[in-house]
Amino acid sequence: MNEKLFTLAEARAALPRVRKLVEAMMESRKRIVVLQPELWPAIEAAAGNGGVPVAGELIRWSEQLRASFQELTAMGIHVQDVGRGLIDFPALRDGHEIYLCWMHPEPEIGWWHEMDAGFAGRRPLEA
């Protein structure tokens, strides 16, 4: 057990920052998906004219996604699905490791699941 384990209070306290990072990742992913079909024809056309504006935009969004992802993982948070904004906070429950589970745009962290259960195994936290 070498990773950070969050208490529910710590995870909830981190949620405002986490929410902003997840929103930035989701927006970046959305922009990348929109730009992707335009990228290859633009690169081919640019071979003769020296510029690919769409490539620069793709790089900018990719860097933002990477930076947000890295900040979340540096905090000890597991990013499970960028497109859905699904993340897990490693935690302890009754002496064994679990994940506190949050998905954008849920108002707070209200779910948990076993380490091997994934999103389908989410259970509500008791108040």
C-alpha atoms as a PDB file:
ATOM      1  CA  MET A   1       0.000   0.000   0.000  1.00  0.00           C
ATOM      2  CA  ASN A   2       2.269   2.784  -1.298  1.00  0.00           C
ATOM      3  CA  GLU A   3      -0.327   5.178  -2.671  1.00  0.00           C
ATOM      4  CA  LYS A   4      -2.138   7.962  -0.890  1.00  0.00           C
ATOM      5  CA  LEU A   5      -5.353   6.933   0.794  1.00  0.00           C
ATOM      6  CA  PHE A   6      -8.025   9.593   1.141  1.00  0.00           C
ATOM      7  CA  THR A   7     -10.506   9.993   3.928  1.00  0.00           C
ATOM      8  CA  LEU A   8     -13.962  10.970   2.748  1.00  0.00           C
ATOM      9  CA  ALA A   9     -13.394  14.443   4.225  1.00  0.00           C
ATOM     10  CA  GLU A  10     -10.093  14.830   2.312  1.00  0.00           C
ATOM     11  CA  ALA A  11     -11.666  13.692  -0.957  1.00  0.00           C
ATOM     12  CA  ARG A  12     -14.587  16.072  -0.505  1.00  0.00           C
ATOM     13  CA  ALA A  13     -12.219  18.935   0.365  1.00  0.00           C
ATOM     14  CA  ALA A  14     -10.247  18.272  -2.841  1.00  0.00           C
ATOM     15  CA  LEU A  15     -13.380  18.131  -4.998  1.00  0.00           C
ATOM     16  CA  PRO A  16     -13.505  21.820  -6.043  1.00  0.00           C
ATOM     17  CA  ARG A  17      -9.984  21.586  -7.536  1.00  0.00           C
ATOM     18  CA  VAL A  18     -10.634  18.104  -8.883  1.00  0.00           C
ATOM     19  CA  ARG A  19     -13.845  19.282 -10.555  1.00  0.00           C
ATOM     20  CA  LYS A  20     -11.946  22.047 -12.402  1.00  0.00           C
ATOM     21  CA  LEU A  21      -9.246  19.630 -13.551  1.00  0.00           C
ATOM     22  CA  VAL A  22     -11.785  17.050 -14.720  1.00  0.00           C
ATOM     23  CA  GLU A  23     -13.738  19.734 -16.588  1.00  0.00           C
ATOM     24  CA  ALA A  24     -10.512  20.884 -18.277  1.00  0.00           C
ATOM     25  CA  MET A  25      -9.704  17.292 -19.276  1.00  0.00           C
ATOM     26  CA  MET A  26     -13.194  16.706 -20.625  1.00  0.00           C
ATOM     27  CA  GLU A  27     -13.139  19.948 -22.632  1.00  0.00           C
ATOM     28  CA  SER A  28      -9.681  19.145 -24.008  1.00  0.00           C
ATOM     29  CA  ARG A  29     -10.784  15.656 -25.022  1.00  0.00           C
ATOM     30  CA  LYS A  30     -13.888  17.057 -26.706  1.00  0.00           C
ATOM     31  CA  ARG A  31     -11.781  19.555 -28.685  1.00  0.00           C
ATOM     32  CA  ILE A  32      -9.280  16.870 -29.678  1.00  0.00           C
ATOM     33  CA  VAL A  33     -12.061  14.589 -30.930  1.00  0.00           C
ATOM     34  CA  VAL A  34     -13.510  17.466 -32.987  1.00  0.00           C
ATOM     35  CA  LEU A  35     -10.112  18.352 -34.479  1.00  0.00           C
ATOM     36  CA  GLN A  36      -8.988  14.812 -35.224  1.00  0.00           C
ATOM     37  CA  PRO A  37     -10.824  14.339 -38.547  1.00  0.00           C
ATOM     38  CA  GLU A  38      -9.375  17.622 -39.835  1.00  0.00           C
ATOM     39  CA  LEU A  39      -5.824  16.875 -38.799  1.00  0.00           C
ATOM     40  CA  TRP A  40      -4.571  14.415 -41.420  1.00  0.00           C
ATOM     41  CA  PRO A  41      -5.870  16.332 -44.470  1.00  0.00           C
ATOM     42  CA  ALA A  42      -4.409  19.521 -42.981  1.00  0.00           C
ATOM     43  CA  ILE A  43      -1.013  17.882 -42.494  1.00  0.00           C
ATOM     44  CA  GLU A  44      -1.035  16.563 -46.052  1.00  0.00           C
ATOM     45  CA  ALA A  45      -1.992  19.980 -47.430  1.00  0.00           C
ATOM     46  CA  ALA A  46       0.625  21.695 -45.280  1.00  0.00           C
ATOM     47  CA  ALA A  47       3.463  19.731 -46.819  1.00  0.00           C
ATOM     48  CA  GLY A  48       3.655  22.336 -49.558  1.00  0.00           C
ATOM     49  CA  ASN A  49       2.616  25.502 -47.731  1.00  0.00           C
ATOM     50  CA  GLY A  50       4.527  25.351 -44.431  1.00  0.00           C
ATOM     51  CA  GLY A  51       1.758  25.664 -41.846  1.00  0.00           C
ATOM     52  CA  VAL A  52      -0.811  23.567 -40.011  1.00  0.00           C
ATOM     53  CA  PRO A  53      -2.952  25.721 -37.691  1.00  0.00           C
ATOM     54  CA  VAL A  54      -5.118  22.752 -36.686  1.00  0.00           C
ATOM     55  CA  ALA A  55      -2.024  20.855 -35.537  1.00  0.00           C
ATOM     56  CA  GLY A  56      -1.072  23.706 -33.216  1.00  0.00           C
ATOM     57  CA  GLU A  57      -4.574  23.718 -31.780  1.00  0.00           C
ATOM     58  CA  LEU A  58      -4.461  19.948 -31.304  1.00  0.00           C
ATOM     59  CA  ILE A  59      -1.133  20.237 -29.503  1.00  0.00           C
ATOM     60  CA  ARG A  60      -2.489  22.982 -27.226  1.00  0.00           C
ATOM     61  CA  TRP A  61      -5.533  20.875 -26.220  1.00  0.00           C
ATOM     62  CA  SER A  62      -3.396  17.753 -25.818  1.00  0.00           C
ATOM     63  CA  GLU A  63      -1.046  19.609 -23.486  1.00  0.00           C
ATOM     64  CA  GLN A  64      -3.960  20.882 -21.397  1.00  0.00           C
ATOM     65  CA  LEU A  65      -5.364  17.362 -21.127  1.00  0.00           C
ATOM     66  CA  ARG A  66      -1.955  15.994 -20.156  1.00  0.00           C
ATOM     67  CA  ALA A  67      -1.376  18.703 -17.526  1.00  0.00           C
ATOM     68  CA  SER A  68      -4.778  18.156 -15.916  1.00  0.00           C
ATOM     69  CA  PHE A  69      -4.323  14.385 -15.944  1.00  0.00           C
ATOM     70  CA  GLN A  70      -0.858  14.657 -14.403  1.00  0.00           C
ATOM     71  CA  GLU A  71      -2.051  17.002 -11.663  1.00  0.00           C
ATOM     72  CA  LEU A  72      -4.846  14.608 -10.722  1.00  0.00           C
ATOM     73  CA  THR A  73      -2.526  11.603 -10.653  1.00  0.00           C
ATOM     74  CA  ALA A  74       0.060  13.569  -8.646  1.00  0.00           C
ATOM     75  CA  MET A  75      -2.692  14.150  -6.072  1.00  0.00           C
ATOM     76  CA  GLY A  76      -3.125  10.365  -5.844  1.00  0.00           C
ATOM     77  CA  ILE A  77      -6.383  10.276  -7.811  1.00  0.00           C
ATOM     78  CA  HIS A  78      -7.082   7.612 -10.431  1.00  0.00           C
ATOM     79  CA  VAL A  79      -8.554   8.861 -13.708  1.00  0.00           C
ATOM     80  CA  GLN A  80     -10.834   6.088 -14.976  1.00  0.00           C
ATOM     81  CA  ASP A  81     -12.628   7.692 -17.949  1.00  0.00           C
ATOM     82  CA  VAL A  82     -11.704  11.107 -19.340  1.00  0.00           C
ATOM     83  CA  GLY A  83     -14.767  11.340 -21.583  1.00  0.00           C
ATOM     84  CA  ARG A  84     -17.219  10.701 -18.766  1.00  0.00           C
ATOM     85  CA  GLY A  85     -15.197  12.550 -16.136  1.00  0.00           C
ATOM     86  CA  LEU A  86     -14.943   9.450 -13.940  1.00  0.00           C
ATOM     87  CA  ILE A  87     -12.322   9.368 -11.183  1.00  0.00           C
ATOM     88  CA  ASP A  88     -11.545   7.316  -8.087  1.00  0.00           C
ATOM     89  CA  PHE A  89      -9.960   8.292  -4.785  1.00  0.00           C
ATOM     90  CA  PRO A  90      -8.155   5.378  -3.088  1.00  0.00           C
ATOM     91  CA  ALA A  91      -9.489   5.013   0.463  1.00  0.00           C
ATOM     92  CA  LEU A  92     -10.036   2.572   3.326  1.00  0.00           C
ATOM     93  CA  ARG A  93     -13.400   1.161   4.355  1.00  0.00           C
ATOM     94  CA  ASP A  94     -13.676  -1.276   7.234  1.00  0.00           C
ATOM     95  CA  GLY A  95      -9.935  -1.874   7.048  1.00  0.00           C
ATOM     96  CA  HIS A  96      -9.630  -2.698   3.355  1.00  0.00           C
ATOM     97  CA  GLU A  97      -8.843  -0.611   0.307  1.00  0.00           C
ATOM     98  CA  ILE A  98     -11.695   0.704  -1.794  1.00  0.00           C
ATOM     99  CA  TYR A  99     -12.293   3.571  -4.182  1.00  0.00           C
ATOM    100  CA  LEU A 100     -14.400   6.612  -3.423  1.00  0.00           C
ATOM    101  CA  CYS A 101     -15.997   7.196  -6.802  1.00  0.00           C
ATOM    102  CA  TRP A 102     -17.009  10.508  -8.393  1.00  0.00           C
ATOM    103  CA  MET A 103     -18.248  11.312 -11.867  1.00  0.00           C
ATOM    104  CA  HIS A 104     -18.786  14.722 -13.398  1.00  0.00           C
ATOM    105  CA  PRO A 105     -21.201  16.525 -12.772  1.00  0.00           C
ATOM    106  CA  GLU A 106     -22.200  14.837  -9.494  1.00  0.00           C
ATOM    107  CA  PRO A 107     -22.509  17.496  -6.774  1.00  0.00           C
ATOM    108  CA  GLU A 108     -20.408  15.544  -4.265  1.00  0.00           C
ATOM    109  CA  ILE A 109     -18.660  12.263  -3.625  1.00  0.00           C
ATOM    110  CA  GLY A 110     -21.495   9.944  -2.722  1.00  0.00           C
ATOM    111  CA  TRP A 111     -20.351   6.557  -4.037  1.00  0.00           C
ATOM    112  CA  TRP A 112     -17.730   3.888  -3.434  1.00  0.00           C
ATOM    113  CA  HIS A 113     -16.769   0.547  -4.932  1.00  0.00           C
ATOM    114  CA  GLU A 114     -14.416  -2.336  -4.327  1.00  0.00           C
ATOM    115  CA  MET A 115     -11.016  -2.102  -6.011  1.00  0.00           C
ATOM    116  CA  ASP A 116     -11.950  -4.751  -8.580  1.00  0.00           C
ATOM    117  CA  ALA A 117     -15.632  -3.839  -9.032  1.00  0.00           C
ATOM    118  CA  GLY A 118     -15.399  -0.718 -11.199  1.00  0.00           C
ATOM    119  CA  PHE A 119     -18.207   1.690 -11.978  1.00  0.00           C
ATOM    120  CA  ALA A 120     -20.803  -1.086 -12.283  1.00  0.00           C
ATOM    121  CA  GLY A 121     -20.159  -2.006  -8.635  1.00  0.00           C
ATOM    122  CA  ARG A 122     -20.755   1.477  -7.233  1.00  0.00           C
ATOM    123  CA  ARG A 123     -22.627   1.637  -3.952  1.00  0.00           C
ATOM    124  CA  PRO A 124     -23.929   4.737  -2.184  1.00  0.00           C
ATOM    125  CA  LEU A 125     -22.025   6.000   0.854  1.00  0.00           C
ATOM    126  CA  GLU A 126     -23.974   6.022   4.070  1.00  0.00           C
ATOM    127  CA  ALA A 127     -24.584   9.562   5.319  1.00  0.00           C
END
